[in-house]
Amino acid sequence: MSNNDSDSHTFDNTHADISVDACGLFCPEPVMLLHNKFRDMQAGDTLLMTATDPSTTRDVPKFCLFLGHDLVARDEQDGVYRYLLRKS
């Protein structure tokens, strides 16, 4: 597990181009946010999403698998899930 960084765009010393806060949202809203953000991103751009819904541990990897994006890293600390994704 990683410690939360002070920069909301950083995950394990990797800077994300976009940060999305899905804390407090429940399925399917976090994945809907991902779909909306990924539409405007360029290939190779990275996105850091934070969420509190445990279903994201299933939904985010499936989002990446089905759409061909990369799940670069993920962790959970104190009920907050973080995902670093890269648009393919």
N, C-alpha and C. Protein backbone atom coordinates (compact mmCIF):
# COMPACT_ATOMS: atom_id res chain seq x y z
N MET A 1 0.83 -1.18 0.00
CA MET A 1 0.00 0.00 0.00
C MET A 1 0.88 1.24 0.00
N SER A 2 0.36 2.28 -0.58
CA SER A 2 1.10 3.52 -0.66
C SER A 2 0.53 4.52 0.33
N ASN A 3 1.34 5.46 0.70
CA ASN A 3 0.85 6.57 1.50
C ASN A 3 0.23 7.58 0.56
N ASN A 4 -0.80 8.27 1.04
CA ASN A 4 -1.39 9.32 0.22
C ASN A 4 -0.39 10.44 0.06
N ASP A 5 -0.23 10.93 -1.16
CA ASP A 5 0.70 12.00 -1.43
C ASP A 5 0.01 13.34 -1.25
N SER A 6 0.78 14.37 -0.97
CA SER A 6 0.19 15.69 -0.79
C SER A 6 -0.31 16.24 -2.12
N ASP A 7 0.28 15.85 -3.23
CA ASP A 7 -0.16 16.28 -4.56
C ASP A 7 -1.24 15.31 -5.02
N SER A 8 -2.43 15.83 -5.27
CA SER A 8 -3.55 14.97 -5.64
C SER A 8 -3.39 14.34 -7.02
N HIS A 9 -2.35 14.74 -7.76
CA HIS A 9 -2.11 14.18 -9.08
C HIS A 9 -0.94 13.19 -9.08
N THR A 10 -0.46 12.78 -7.91
CA THR A 10 0.71 11.91 -7.84
C THR A 10 0.37 10.59 -7.17
N PHE A 11 0.86 9.51 -7.77
CA PHE A 11 0.66 8.16 -7.24
C PHE A 11 2.00 7.45 -7.32
N ASP A 12 2.55 7.06 -6.18
CA ASP A 12 3.86 6.39 -6.14
C ASP A 12 4.89 7.13 -6.99
N ASN A 13 4.97 8.45 -6.80
CA ASN A 13 5.92 9.31 -7.50
C ASN A 13 5.67 9.40 -9.00
N THR A 14 4.51 8.96 -9.46
CA THR A 14 4.13 9.09 -10.87
C THR A 14 3.09 10.19 -10.96
N HIS A 15 3.37 11.20 -11.78
CA HIS A 15 2.44 12.31 -11.93
C HIS A 15 1.35 11.95 -12.93
N ALA A 16 0.10 12.16 -12.54
CA ALA A 16 -1.03 11.91 -13.43
C ALA A 16 -1.43 13.22 -14.11
N ASP A 17 -1.88 13.11 -15.35
CA ASP A 17 -2.33 14.29 -16.09
C ASP A 17 -3.64 14.83 -15.55
N ILE A 18 -4.51 13.93 -15.08
CA ILE A 18 -5.85 14.29 -14.62
C ILE A 18 -6.11 13.58 -13.30
N SER A 19 -6.80 14.25 -12.40
CA SER A 19 -7.20 13.64 -11.13
C SER A 19 -8.72 13.69 -11.03
N VAL A 20 -9.32 12.56 -10.64
CA VAL A 20 -10.77 12.47 -10.51
C VAL A 20 -11.10 11.99 -9.10
N ASP A 21 -11.94 12.74 -8.42
CA ASP A 21 -12.36 12.37 -7.07
C ASP A 21 -13.77 11.77 -7.15
N ALA A 22 -13.86 10.46 -6.97
CA ALA A 22 -15.15 9.77 -6.99
C ALA A 22 -15.56 9.34 -5.58
N CYS A 23 -14.93 9.92 -4.57
CA CYS A 23 -15.26 9.58 -3.19
C CYS A 23 -16.70 9.96 -2.90
N GLY A 24 -17.42 9.04 -2.25
CA GLY A 24 -18.81 9.27 -1.92
C GLY A 24 -19.78 8.85 -3.01
N LEU A 25 -19.27 8.50 -4.17
CA LEU A 25 -20.12 8.04 -5.27
C LEU A 25 -20.19 6.52 -5.27
N PHE A 26 -21.30 6.00 -5.74
CA PHE A 26 -21.50 4.56 -5.77
C PHE A 26 -21.76 4.08 -7.18
N CYS A 27 -21.50 2.78 -7.40
CA CYS A 27 -21.69 2.14 -8.69
C CYS A 27 -23.05 2.52 -9.27
N PRO A 28 -23.09 2.96 -10.50
CA PRO A 28 -22.06 2.96 -11.55
C PRO A 28 -21.36 4.30 -11.74
N GLU A 29 -21.57 5.25 -10.82
CA GLU A 29 -21.06 6.60 -11.02
C GLU A 29 -19.53 6.71 -11.20
N PRO A 30 -18.70 6.01 -10.41
CA PRO A 30 -17.26 6.14 -10.63
C PRO A 30 -16.82 5.74 -12.05
N VAL A 31 -17.38 4.67 -12.58
CA VAL A 31 -17.01 4.24 -13.93
C VAL A 31 -17.57 5.19 -14.98
N MET A 32 -18.74 5.76 -14.71
CA MET A 32 -19.29 6.76 -15.62
C MET A 32 -18.38 7.98 -15.70
N LEU A 33 -17.81 8.37 -14.55
CA LEU A 33 -16.84 9.47 -14.54
C LEU A 33 -15.62 9.13 -15.38
N LEU A 34 -15.14 7.88 -15.25
CA LEU A 34 -14.00 7.45 -16.06
C LEU A 34 -14.31 7.55 -17.55
N HIS A 35 -15.46 7.04 -17.96
CA HIS A 35 -15.86 7.12 -19.37
C HIS A 35 -15.84 8.56 -19.86
N ASN A 36 -16.41 9.46 -19.08
CA ASN A 36 -16.48 10.87 -19.48
C ASN A 36 -15.10 11.49 -19.60
N LYS A 37 -14.23 11.23 -18.65
CA LYS A 37 -12.88 11.81 -18.67
C LYS A 37 -12.04 11.21 -19.80
N PHE A 38 -12.15 9.90 -20.00
CA PHE A 38 -11.32 9.23 -21.02
C PHE A 38 -11.67 9.71 -22.43
N ARG A 39 -12.90 10.15 -22.65
CA ARG A 39 -13.29 10.67 -23.97
C ARG A 39 -12.44 11.86 -24.37
N ASP A 40 -12.08 12.69 -23.39
CA ASP A 40 -11.34 13.92 -23.67
C ASP A 40 -9.82 13.76 -23.58
N MET A 41 -9.36 12.58 -23.19
CA MET A 41 -7.93 12.35 -23.02
C MET A 41 -7.28 11.89 -24.32
N GLN A 42 -5.99 12.12 -24.43
CA GLN A 42 -5.20 11.64 -25.56
C GLN A 42 -4.54 10.31 -25.18
N ALA A 43 -4.21 9.51 -26.17
CA ALA A 43 -3.50 8.25 -25.91
C ALA A 43 -2.21 8.56 -25.15
N GLY A 44 -1.98 7.78 -24.10
CA GLY A 44 -0.79 7.96 -23.27
C GLY A 44 -1.02 8.83 -22.04
N ASP A 45 -2.11 9.60 -22.01
CA ASP A 45 -2.43 10.42 -20.85
C ASP A 45 -2.76 9.51 -19.66
N THR A 46 -2.48 10.00 -18.47
CA THR A 46 -2.76 9.23 -17.26
C THR A 46 -3.81 9.93 -16.41
N LEU A 47 -4.54 9.13 -15.66
CA LEU A 47 -5.60 9.62 -14.80
C LEU A 47 -5.49 8.93 -13.45
N LEU A 48 -5.59 9.72 -12.39
CA LEU A 48 -5.61 9.19 -11.03
C LEU A 48 -7.02 9.36 -10.48
N MET A 49 -7.65 8.26 -10.12
CA MET A 49 -8.98 8.31 -9.54
C MET A 49 -8.92 7.84 -8.10
N THR A 50 -9.60 8.59 -7.21
CA THR A 50 -9.79 8.16 -5.83
C THR A 50 -11.27 7.86 -5.66
N ALA A 51 -11.56 6.81 -4.89
CA ALA A 51 -12.94 6.38 -4.71
C ALA A 51 -13.08 5.73 -3.34
N THR A 52 -14.31 5.68 -2.85
CA THR A 52 -14.59 5.01 -1.59
C THR A 52 -15.50 3.81 -1.76
N ASP A 53 -16.04 3.60 -2.94
CA ASP A 53 -16.93 2.47 -3.20
C ASP A 53 -16.10 1.21 -3.44
N PRO A 54 -16.23 0.19 -2.59
CA PRO A 54 -15.46 -1.04 -2.77
C PRO A 54 -15.71 -1.73 -4.11
N SER A 55 -16.85 -1.48 -4.75
CA SER A 55 -17.11 -2.12 -6.04
C SER A 55 -16.14 -1.64 -7.13
N THR A 56 -15.45 -0.53 -6.87
CA THR A 56 -14.46 -0.07 -7.86
C THR A 56 -13.31 -1.05 -8.00
N THR A 57 -13.06 -1.87 -6.97
CA THR A 57 -11.98 -2.85 -7.07
C THR A 57 -12.28 -3.89 -8.15
N ARG A 58 -13.54 -4.04 -8.48
CA ARG A 58 -13.97 -4.92 -9.57
C ARG A 58 -14.18 -4.12 -10.85
N ASP A 59 -14.85 -2.98 -10.72
CA ASP A 59 -15.29 -2.23 -11.90
C ASP A 59 -14.15 -1.54 -12.65
N VAL A 60 -13.18 -0.97 -11.95
CA VAL A 60 -12.10 -0.25 -12.63
C VAL A 60 -11.23 -1.21 -13.45
N PRO A 61 -10.80 -2.35 -12.89
CA PRO A 61 -10.04 -3.29 -13.73
C PRO A 61 -10.84 -3.77 -14.95
N LYS A 62 -12.14 -4.00 -14.78
CA LYS A 62 -12.97 -4.42 -15.92
C LYS A 62 -13.07 -3.31 -16.96
N PHE A 63 -13.20 -2.08 -16.52
CA PHE A 63 -13.22 -0.93 -17.42
C PHE A 63 -11.97 -0.94 -18.30
N CYS A 64 -10.81 -1.13 -17.66
CA CYS A 64 -9.55 -1.15 -18.40
C CYS A 64 -9.47 -2.35 -19.34
N LEU A 65 -9.86 -3.50 -18.86
CA LEU A 65 -9.80 -4.72 -19.67
C LEU A 65 -10.69 -4.61 -20.90
N PHE A 66 -11.93 -4.20 -20.72
CA PHE A 66 -12.88 -4.15 -21.83
C PHE A 66 -12.55 -3.08 -22.85
N LEU A 67 -11.96 -1.95 -22.39
CA LEU A 67 -11.69 -0.84 -23.31
C LEU A 67 -10.23 -0.76 -23.73
N GLY A 68 -9.40 -1.66 -23.20
CA GLY A 68 -8.01 -1.72 -23.64
C GLY A 68 -7.08 -0.69 -23.02
N HIS A 69 -7.47 -0.09 -21.91
CA HIS A 69 -6.62 0.87 -21.22
C HIS A 69 -5.76 0.13 -20.20
N ASP A 70 -4.72 0.81 -19.71
CA ASP A 70 -3.79 0.20 -18.77
C ASP A 70 -4.10 0.62 -17.34
N LEU A 71 -4.24 -0.37 -16.46
CA LEU A 71 -4.32 -0.11 -15.03
C LEU A 71 -2.88 -0.17 -14.53
N VAL A 72 -2.28 0.99 -14.34
CA VAL A 72 -0.86 1.09 -14.02
C VAL A 72 -0.59 0.71 -12.58
N ALA A 73 -1.44 1.18 -11.67
CA ALA A 73 -1.25 0.91 -10.24
C ALA A 73 -2.56 1.11 -9.51
N ARG A 74 -2.66 0.46 -8.36
CA ARG A 74 -3.83 0.66 -7.50
C ARG A 74 -3.44 0.34 -6.07
N ASP A 75 -4.15 0.97 -5.16
CA ASP A 75 -3.97 0.65 -3.75
C ASP A 75 -5.20 1.06 -2.96
N GLU A 76 -5.19 0.73 -1.68
CA GLU A 76 -6.28 1.08 -0.78
C GLU A 76 -5.68 1.42 0.56
N GLN A 77 -6.15 2.51 1.13
CA GLN A 77 -5.70 2.89 2.46
C GLN A 77 -6.86 3.55 3.19
N ASP A 78 -7.21 2.99 4.34
CA ASP A 78 -8.28 3.55 5.18
C ASP A 78 -9.59 3.73 4.41
N GLY A 79 -9.92 2.76 3.56
CA GLY A 79 -11.18 2.80 2.84
C GLY A 79 -11.20 3.70 1.62
N VAL A 80 -10.04 4.23 1.25
CA VAL A 80 -9.93 5.05 0.03
C VAL A 80 -9.12 4.26 -0.99
N TYR A 81 -9.73 4.04 -2.14
CA TYR A 81 -9.10 3.30 -3.22
C TYR A 81 -8.53 4.29 -4.22
N ARG A 82 -7.30 4.02 -4.68
CA ARG A 82 -6.68 4.87 -5.70
C ARG A 82 -6.29 4.01 -6.89
N TYR A 83 -6.52 4.57 -8.07
CA TYR A 83 -6.23 3.88 -9.32
C TYR A 83 -5.50 4.83 -10.25
N LEU A 84 -4.40 4.37 -10.81
CA LEU A 84 -3.68 5.12 -11.83
C LEU A 84 -3.88 4.39 -13.15
N LEU A 85 -4.50 5.08 -14.10
CA LEU A 85 -4.84 4.49 -15.39
C LEU A 85 -4.16 5.26 -16.52
N ARG A 86 -3.86 4.56 -17.61
CA ARG A 86 -3.28 5.19 -18.80
C ARG A 86 -4.16 4.87 -19.99
N LYS A 87 -4.51 5.90 -20.74
CA LYS A 87 -5.33 5.71 -21.93
C LYS A 87 -4.49 5.10 -23.04
N SER A 88 -5.01 4.05 -23.64
CA SER A 88 -4.29 3.38 -24.74
C SER A 88 -4.57 4.06 -26.07
